[in-house]
C-alpha atoms as a PDB file:
ATOM      1  CA  UNK A   1      -3.323  14.158  -2.922  1.00  0.00           C
ATOM      2  CA  UNK A   2      -2.929  11.185  -5.858  1.00  0.00           C
ATOM      3  CA  UNK A   3      -1.344   7.761  -4.970  1.00  0.00           C
ATOM      4  CA  UNK A   4       2.235   7.990  -4.800  1.00  0.00           C
ATOM      5  CA  UNK A   5       4.120   5.444  -6.877  1.00  0.00           C
ATOM      6  CA  UNK A   6       6.624   3.137  -5.660  1.00  0.00           C
ATOM      7  CA  UNK A   7       9.747   1.773  -6.319  1.00  0.00           C
ATOM      8  CA  UNK A   8      12.913   0.350  -4.109  1.00  0.00           C
ATOM      9  CA  UNK A   9      14.521   3.370  -5.239  1.00  0.00           C
ATOM     10  CA  UNK A  10      12.157   5.511  -3.143  1.00  0.00           C
ATOM     11  CA  UNK A  11      11.136   3.143  -1.151  1.00  0.00           C
ATOM     12  CA  UNK A  12      12.934   4.710   2.311  1.00  0.00           C
ATOM     13  CA  UNK A  13      12.253   8.250   1.992  1.00  0.00           C
ATOM     14  CA  UNK A  14       8.830   7.602   1.231  1.00  0.00           C
ATOM     15  CA  UNK A  15       7.925   4.108   3.189  1.00  0.00           C
ATOM     16  CA  UNK A  16      10.546   4.361   6.155  1.00  0.00           C
ATOM     17  CA  UNK A  17      11.602   7.651   6.912  1.00  0.00           C
ATOM     18  CA  UNK A  18       8.435   8.626   6.059  1.00  0.00           C
ATOM     19  CA  UNK A  19       6.013  10.710   8.949  1.00  0.00           C
ATOM     20  CA  UNK A  20       3.263   8.976  10.575  1.00  0.00           C
ATOM     21  CA  UNK A  21       1.339   6.645   8.979  1.00  0.00           C
ATOM     22  CA  UNK A  22       1.646   4.557   5.253  1.00  0.00           C
ATOM     23  CA  UNK A  23      -1.081   2.366   3.634  1.00  0.00           C
ATOM     24  CA  UNK A  24       0.941   0.568   0.649  1.00  0.00           C
ATOM     25  CA  UNK A  25      -0.855  -1.598  -2.324  1.00  0.00           C
ATOM     26  CA  UNK A  26       1.411  -4.263  -3.510  1.00  0.00           C
ATOM     27  CA  UNK A  27      -0.050  -5.031  -6.866  1.00  0.00           C
ATOM     28  CA  UNK A  28       0.553  -6.583 -10.165  1.00  0.00           C
ATOM     29  CA  UNK A  29      -1.327  -4.548 -13.571  1.00  0.00           C
ATOM     30  CA  UNK A  30      -2.270  -8.624 -13.969  1.00  0.00           C
ATOM     31  CA  UNK A  31      -3.990  -8.873 -11.815  1.00  0.00           C
ATOM     32  CA  UNK A  32      -7.869  -8.928 -11.757  1.00  0.00           C
ATOM     33  CA  UNK A  33      -8.425  -8.513  -7.799  1.00  0.00           C
ATOM     34  CA  UNK A  34      -5.591  -6.233  -8.063  1.00  0.00           C
ATOM     35  CA  UNK A  35      -7.404  -4.547 -10.671  1.00  0.00           C
ATOM     36  CA  UNK A  36     -10.972  -4.822  -8.294  1.00  0.00           C
ATOM     37  CA  UNK A  37      -9.309  -3.072  -5.437  1.00  0.00           C
ATOM     38  CA  UNK A  38      -7.626  -0.592  -7.084  1.00  0.00           C
ATOM     39  CA  UNK A  39     -10.519   2.394  -6.695  1.00  0.00           C
ATOM     40  CA  UNK A  40     -10.596   1.715  -2.850  1.00  0.00           C
ATOM     41  CA  UNK A  41      -7.517   3.074  -2.730  1.00  0.00           C
ATOM     42  CA  UNK A  42      -7.538   5.568  -4.865  1.00  0.00           C
ATOM     43  CA  UNK A  43     -10.691   6.955  -2.174  1.00  0.00           C
ATOM     44  CA  UNK A  44      -8.766   6.336   0.954  1.00  0.00           C
ATOM     45  CA  UNK A  45      -5.563   8.522  -0.239  1.00  0.00           C
ATOM     46  CA  UNK A  46      -8.552  11.182  -1.343  1.00  0.00           C
ATOM     47  CA  UNK A  47     -10.374  11.071   1.941  1.00  0.00           C
ATOM     48  CA  UNK A  48      -7.007  10.699   4.292  1.00  0.00           C
ATOM     49  CA  UNK A  49      -5.809  13.148   2.053  1.00  0.00           C
ATOM     50  CA  UNK A  50      -2.239  15.025   4.588  1.00  0.00           C
ATOM     51  CA  UNK A  51      -3.147  12.951   7.538  1.00  0.00           C
ATOM     52  CA  UNK A  52      -1.812   8.974   5.491  1.00  0.00           C
ATOM     53  CA  UNK A  53       0.689   8.660   2.838  1.00  0.00           C
ATOM     54  CA  UNK A  54      -0.895   5.700   0.350  1.00  0.00           C
ATOM     55  CA  UNK A  55       1.085   3.875  -2.569  1.00  0.00           C
ATOM     56  CA  UNK A  56       1.113   1.342  -4.734  1.00  0.00           C
ATOM     57  CA  UNK A  57       3.704  -0.875  -6.005  1.00  0.00           C
ATOM     58  CA  UNK A  58       3.864  -3.048  -8.602  1.00  0.00           C
ATOM     59  CA  UNK A  59       5.187  -6.663  -7.207  1.00  0.00           C
ATOM     60  CA  UNK A  60       6.672  -7.130 -10.918  1.00  0.00           C
ATOM     61  CA  UNK A  61       8.691  -3.907 -11.240  1.00  0.00           C
ATOM     62  CA  UNK A  62      10.119  -4.062  -7.635  1.00  0.00           C
ATOM     63  CA  UNK A  63      10.187  -7.683  -6.654  1.00  0.00           C
ATOM     64  CA  UNK A  64      13.321  -7.567  -3.446  1.00  0.00           C
ATOM     65  CA  UNK A  65      11.041  -5.520  -1.862  1.00  0.00           C
ATOM     66  CA  UNK A  66       8.266  -7.908  -2.135  1.00  0.00           C
ATOM     67  CA  UNK A  67      10.087 -10.702  -1.250  1.00  0.00           C
ATOM     68  CA  UNK A  68      11.263  -8.443   1.577  1.00  0.00           C
ATOM     69  CA  UNK A  69       7.859  -7.991   3.264  1.00  0.00           C
ATOM     70  CA  UNK A  70       6.993 -11.938   2.300  1.00  0.00           C
ATOM     71  CA  UNK A  71       4.231 -10.747  -0.305  1.00  0.00           C
ATOM     72  CA  UNK A  72       2.944 -14.055  -1.564  1.00  0.00           C
ATOM     73  CA  UNK A  73      -0.433 -13.151  -2.872  1.00  0.00           C
ATOM     74  CA  UNK A  74      -2.018 -10.090  -4.341  1.00  0.00           C
ATOM     75  CA  UNK A  75      -3.459  -7.676  -3.773  1.00  0.00           C
ATOM     76  CA  UNK A  76      -1.319  -7.070  -0.237  1.00  0.00           C
ATOM     77  CA  UNK A  77      -2.695  -4.454   1.483  1.00  0.00           C
ATOM     78  CA  UNK A  78       0.113  -2.905   3.699  1.00  0.00           C
ATOM     79  CA  UNK A  79      -0.196  -0.621   6.449  1.00  0.00           C
ATOM     80  CA  UNK A  80       3.482   0.949   7.100  1.00  0.00           C
ATOM     81  CA  UNK A  81       4.256   3.510  11.124  1.00  0.00           C
ATOM     82  CA  UNK A  82       7.333   4.538  12.129  1.00  0.00           C
ATOM     83  CA  UNK A  83       9.091   2.662   8.625  1.00  0.00           C
ATOM     84  CA  UNK A  84       7.593  -1.114  10.479  1.00  0.00           C
ATOM     85  CA  UNK A  85       4.449  -2.730   9.385  1.00  0.00           C
ATOM     86  CA  UNK A  86       2.106  -2.945  11.115  1.00  0.00           C
ATOM     87  CA  UNK A  87      -1.090  -4.457   9.830  1.00  0.00           C
ATOM     88  CA  UNK A  88      -0.913  -6.197   6.317  1.00  0.00           C
ATOM     89  CA  UNK A  89      -4.531  -7.343   4.604  1.00  0.00           C
ATOM     90  CA  UNK A  90      -4.186 -10.412   1.545  1.00  0.00           C
ATOM     91  CA  UNK A  91      -7.039 -10.260  -1.099  1.00  0.00           C
ATOM     92  CA  UNK A  92      -9.330  -7.877  -1.777  1.00  0.00           C
ATOM     93  CA  UNK A  93     -10.650  -5.818   1.120  1.00  0.00           C
ATOM     94  CA  UNK A  94     -13.686  -3.982   2.382  1.00  0.00           C
ATOM     95  CA  UNK A  95     -12.949  -0.055   3.070  1.00  0.00           C
ATOM     96  CA  UNK A  96     -14.287   0.400   5.633  1.00  0.00           C
ATOM     97  CA  UNK A  97     -12.302  -2.584   7.334  1.00  0.00           C
ATOM     98  CA  UNK A  98      -8.545  -0.223   5.882  1.00  0.00           C
ATOM     99  CA  UNK A  99     -10.188   2.403   7.004  1.00  0.00           C
ATOM    100  CA  UNK A 100     -10.738   1.350  11.047  1.00  0.00           C
ATOM    101  CA  UNK A 101      -7.055   0.642  10.860  1.00  0.00           C
ATOM    102  CA  UNK A 102      -6.083   3.998   9.480  1.00  0.00           C
ATOM    103  CA  UNK A 103      -7.796   5.841  12.724  1.00  0.00           C
END
């Protein structure tokens, strides 16, 4: 399963109403640390396929969502469960730290 492109239009369906955990990567195309994080997010999506939904949100195109969840610096990685954010990582984060929170 590939990483979902999350937009304001599908946020409620894919994140807020999702069963289980959802990993979201708030990023921007111009952000170098975001580019460094991207392959890690892709690996997590592949490893946890069928267990955890993984999506990426471009904050330049979805500023309302970024503001709603207080995304002040990027990359911001958020884990949602039952529609609520339960863990936030800011900046480049080790893959294992994220995986530990998803288990």
